[in-house]
Amino acid sequence: MLNVNEIQASDFENEVESFEGAVLVDFYAPWCGPCKMIAPIVDTISQERNDLKVIKVDADKSQKLMARFGIRGIPTLLLMKQGKVVDIKIGAVSLSQLRDFVAQV
């Protein structure tokens, strides 16, 4: 079962920053080719890591969040823990790269 939830920018504080555990945030756009390429990889991570909350944010609808985190390109993945950014990954990644990335938390 997939554990990926799409949220609006208005839900970011409650769903991500106030969450005590680890969160992987995928900033994407429906028209973005590389975003479509990594979607199944993000889905796989959500199935493998029950301890990791996985969130998708539509970049086109979340310009203030994009600016706040200095995101200039998509896909961009934020790895967060206890509301703080642990690491950022920009661009398409392989499953093994994403596993290594989320292993930090």
C-alpha atoms as a PDB file:
ATOM      1  CA  MET A   1       0.000   0.000   0.000  1.00  0.00           C
ATOM      2  CA  LEU A   2       1.301   3.443  -0.903  1.00  0.00           C
ATOM      3  CA  ASN A   3       1.909   5.825   1.952  1.00  0.00           C
ATOM      4  CA  VAL A   4       2.311   8.980  -0.148  1.00  0.00           C
ATOM      5  CA  ASN A   5       0.052  11.935   0.598  1.00  0.00           C
ATOM      6  CA  GLU A   6      -0.261  15.063  -1.502  1.00  0.00           C
ATOM      7  CA  ILE A   7      -0.744  18.212   0.551  1.00  0.00           C
ATOM      8  CA  GLN A   8      -1.380  21.872  -0.127  1.00  0.00           C
ATOM      9  CA  ALA A   9       1.076  24.574   0.956  1.00  0.00           C
ATOM     10  CA  SER A  10      -1.370  25.609   3.686  1.00  0.00           C
ATOM     11  CA  ASP A  11      -0.994  22.146   5.268  1.00  0.00           C
ATOM     12  CA  PHE A  12       2.815  22.151   5.249  1.00  0.00           C
ATOM     13  CA  GLU A  13       3.327  23.385   8.800  1.00  0.00           C
ATOM     14  CA  ASN A  14       0.877  20.904  10.290  1.00  0.00           C
ATOM     15  CA  GLU A  15       1.828  17.892   8.136  1.00  0.00           C
ATOM     16  CA  VAL A  16       5.592  18.401   7.899  1.00  0.00           C
ATOM     17  CA  GLU A  17       7.077  20.973  10.258  1.00  0.00           C
ATOM     18  CA  SER A  18       5.060  19.931  13.308  1.00  0.00           C
ATOM     19  CA  PHE A  19       5.631  16.226  12.670  1.00  0.00           C
ATOM     20  CA  GLU A  20       8.091  14.714  15.149  1.00  0.00           C
ATOM     21  CA  GLY A  21       9.442  11.995  12.851  1.00  0.00           C
ATOM     22  CA  ALA A  22      11.192  11.908   9.515  1.00  0.00           C
ATOM     23  CA  VAL A  23       9.509  13.261   6.373  1.00  0.00           C
ATOM     24  CA  LEU A  24      10.449  13.026   2.704  1.00  0.00           C
ATOM     25  CA  VAL A  25       8.919  15.926   0.772  1.00  0.00           C
ATOM     26  CA  ASP A  26       8.738  15.600  -3.022  1.00  0.00           C
ATOM     27  CA  PHE A  27       8.283  18.959  -4.787  1.00  0.00           C
ATOM     28  CA  TYR A  28       7.017  18.069  -8.254  1.00  0.00           C
ATOM     29  CA  ALA A  29       4.757  19.236 -11.088  1.00  0.00           C
ATOM     30  CA  PRO A  30       2.355  17.111 -13.158  1.00  0.00           C
ATOM     31  CA  TRP A  31       3.987  18.283 -16.420  1.00  0.00           C
ATOM     32  CA  CYS A  32       7.578  17.552 -15.283  1.00  0.00           C
ATOM     33  CA  GLY A  33       9.197  14.567 -17.025  1.00  0.00           C
ATOM     34  CA  PRO A  34      11.872  13.863 -14.386  1.00  0.00           C
ATOM     35  CA  CYS A  35       9.166  14.162 -11.697  1.00  0.00           C
ATOM     36  CA  LYS A  36       7.171  11.453 -13.466  1.00  0.00           C
ATOM     37  CA  MET A  37      10.324   9.326 -13.679  1.00  0.00           C
ATOM     38  CA  ILE A  38      10.964   9.371  -9.931  1.00  0.00           C
ATOM     39  CA  ALA A  39       7.315   9.032  -8.842  1.00  0.00           C
ATOM     40  CA  PRO A  40       7.430   5.200  -8.775  1.00  0.00           C
ATOM     41  CA  ILE A  41      10.755   5.358  -6.909  1.00  0.00           C
ATOM     42  CA  VAL A  42       9.253   7.647  -4.262  1.00  0.00           C
ATOM     43  CA  ASP A  43       6.277   5.265  -4.058  1.00  0.00           C
ATOM     44  CA  THR A  44       8.648   2.334  -3.482  1.00  0.00           C
ATOM     45  CA  ILE A  45      10.401   4.169  -0.650  1.00  0.00           C
ATOM     46  CA  SER A  46       7.017   4.899   0.936  1.00  0.00           C
ATOM     47  CA  GLN A  47       6.313   1.158   0.941  1.00  0.00           C
ATOM     48  CA  GLU A  48       9.745   0.185   2.249  1.00  0.00           C
ATOM     49  CA  ARG A  49      10.048   2.751   5.014  1.00  0.00           C
ATOM     50  CA  ASN A  50       7.047   2.710   7.337  1.00  0.00           C
ATOM     51  CA  ASP A  51       8.957   5.022   9.686  1.00  0.00           C
ATOM     52  CA  LEU A  52       9.155   7.719   6.997  1.00  0.00           C
ATOM     53  CA  LYS A  53       6.254  10.020   6.162  1.00  0.00           C
ATOM     54  CA  VAL A  54       6.219  10.728   2.409  1.00  0.00           C
ATOM     55  CA  ILE A  55       4.582  13.932   1.169  1.00  0.00           C
ATOM     56  CA  LYS A  56       4.140  15.345  -2.348  1.00  0.00           C
ATOM     57  CA  VAL A  57       3.771  19.086  -2.958  1.00  0.00           C
ATOM     58  CA  ASP A  58       2.746  20.508  -6.351  1.00  0.00           C
ATOM     59  CA  ALA A  59       5.403  23.139  -7.029  1.00  0.00           C
ATOM     60  CA  ASP A  60       3.125  25.158  -9.317  1.00  0.00           C
ATOM     61  CA  LYS A  61       0.651  25.635  -6.469  1.00  0.00           C
ATOM     62  CA  SER A  62       3.273  26.265  -3.794  1.00  0.00           C
ATOM     63  CA  GLN A  63       5.474  29.120  -4.976  1.00  0.00           C
ATOM     64  CA  LYS A  64       5.918  30.581  -1.465  1.00  0.00           C
ATOM     65  CA  LEU A  65       7.188  27.244  -0.155  1.00  0.00           C
ATOM     66  CA  MET A  66       9.517  26.949  -3.121  1.00  0.00           C
ATOM     67  CA  ALA A  67      10.955  30.392  -2.384  1.00  0.00           C
ATOM     68  CA  ARG A  68      11.192  29.696   1.339  1.00  0.00           C
ATOM     69  CA  PHE A  69      13.370  26.630   0.763  1.00  0.00           C
ATOM     70  CA  GLY A  70      15.292  28.153  -2.163  1.00  0.00           C
ATOM     71  CA  ILE A  71      13.980  25.564  -4.616  1.00  0.00           C
ATOM     72  CA  ARG A  72      14.676  26.581  -8.212  1.00  0.00           C
ATOM     73  CA  GLY A  73      14.193  23.273 -10.010  1.00  0.00           C
ATOM     74  CA  ILE A  74      12.069  20.179  -9.781  1.00  0.00           C
ATOM     75  CA  PRO A  75      11.975  17.496  -8.773  1.00  0.00           C
ATOM     76  CA  THR A  76      13.453  18.523  -5.438  1.00  0.00           C
ATOM     77  CA  LEU A  77      13.355  16.211  -2.456  1.00  0.00           C
ATOM     78  CA  LEU A  78      13.611  17.562   1.077  1.00  0.00           C
ATOM     79  CA  LEU A  79      14.515  15.193   3.871  1.00  0.00           C
ATOM     80  CA  MET A  80      13.247  16.597   7.153  1.00  0.00           C
ATOM     81  CA  LYS A  81      13.296  15.487  10.760  1.00  0.00           C
ATOM     82  CA  GLN A  82      11.497  17.230  13.604  1.00  0.00           C
ATOM     83  CA  GLY A  83      10.604  20.100  11.287  1.00  0.00           C
ATOM     84  CA  LYS A  84      14.177  20.806  10.181  1.00  0.00           C
ATOM     85  CA  VAL A  85      15.763  20.159   6.784  1.00  0.00           C
ATOM     86  CA  VAL A  86      18.356  17.379   7.056  1.00  0.00           C
ATOM     87  CA  ASP A  87      19.292  17.255   3.362  1.00  0.00           C
ATOM     88  CA  ILE A  88      18.125  18.260  -0.116  1.00  0.00           C
ATOM     89  CA  LYS A  89      18.324  16.242  -3.350  1.00  0.00           C
ATOM     90  CA  ILE A  90      17.672  17.966  -6.675  1.00  0.00           C
ATOM     91  CA  GLY A  91      16.788  16.149  -9.878  1.00  0.00           C
ATOM     92  CA  ALA A  92      15.897  12.592 -10.772  1.00  0.00           C
ATOM     93  CA  VAL A  93      17.463   9.855  -8.664  1.00  0.00           C
ATOM     94  CA  SER A  94      17.676   6.080  -8.826  1.00  0.00           C
ATOM     95  CA  LEU A  95      16.118   3.822  -6.216  1.00  0.00           C
ATOM     96  CA  SER A  96      19.517   3.076  -4.674  1.00  0.00           C
ATOM     97  CA  GLN A  97      20.346   6.813  -4.518  1.00  0.00           C
ATOM     98  CA  LEU A  98      17.022   7.548  -2.830  1.00  0.00           C
ATOM     99  CA  ARG A  99      17.522   4.686  -0.359  1.00  0.00           C
ATOM    100  CA  ASP A 100      20.924   6.135   0.560  1.00  0.00           C
ATOM    101  CA  PHE A 101      19.411   9.621   0.834  1.00  0.00           C
ATOM    102  CA  VAL A 102      16.643   8.598   3.259  1.00  0.00           C
ATOM    103  CA  ALA A 103      19.013   6.379   5.263  1.00  0.00           C
ATOM    104  CA  GLN A 104      20.204   9.580   6.961  1.00  0.00           C
ATOM    105  CA  VAL A 105      17.126   9.583   9.173  1.00  0.00           C
END
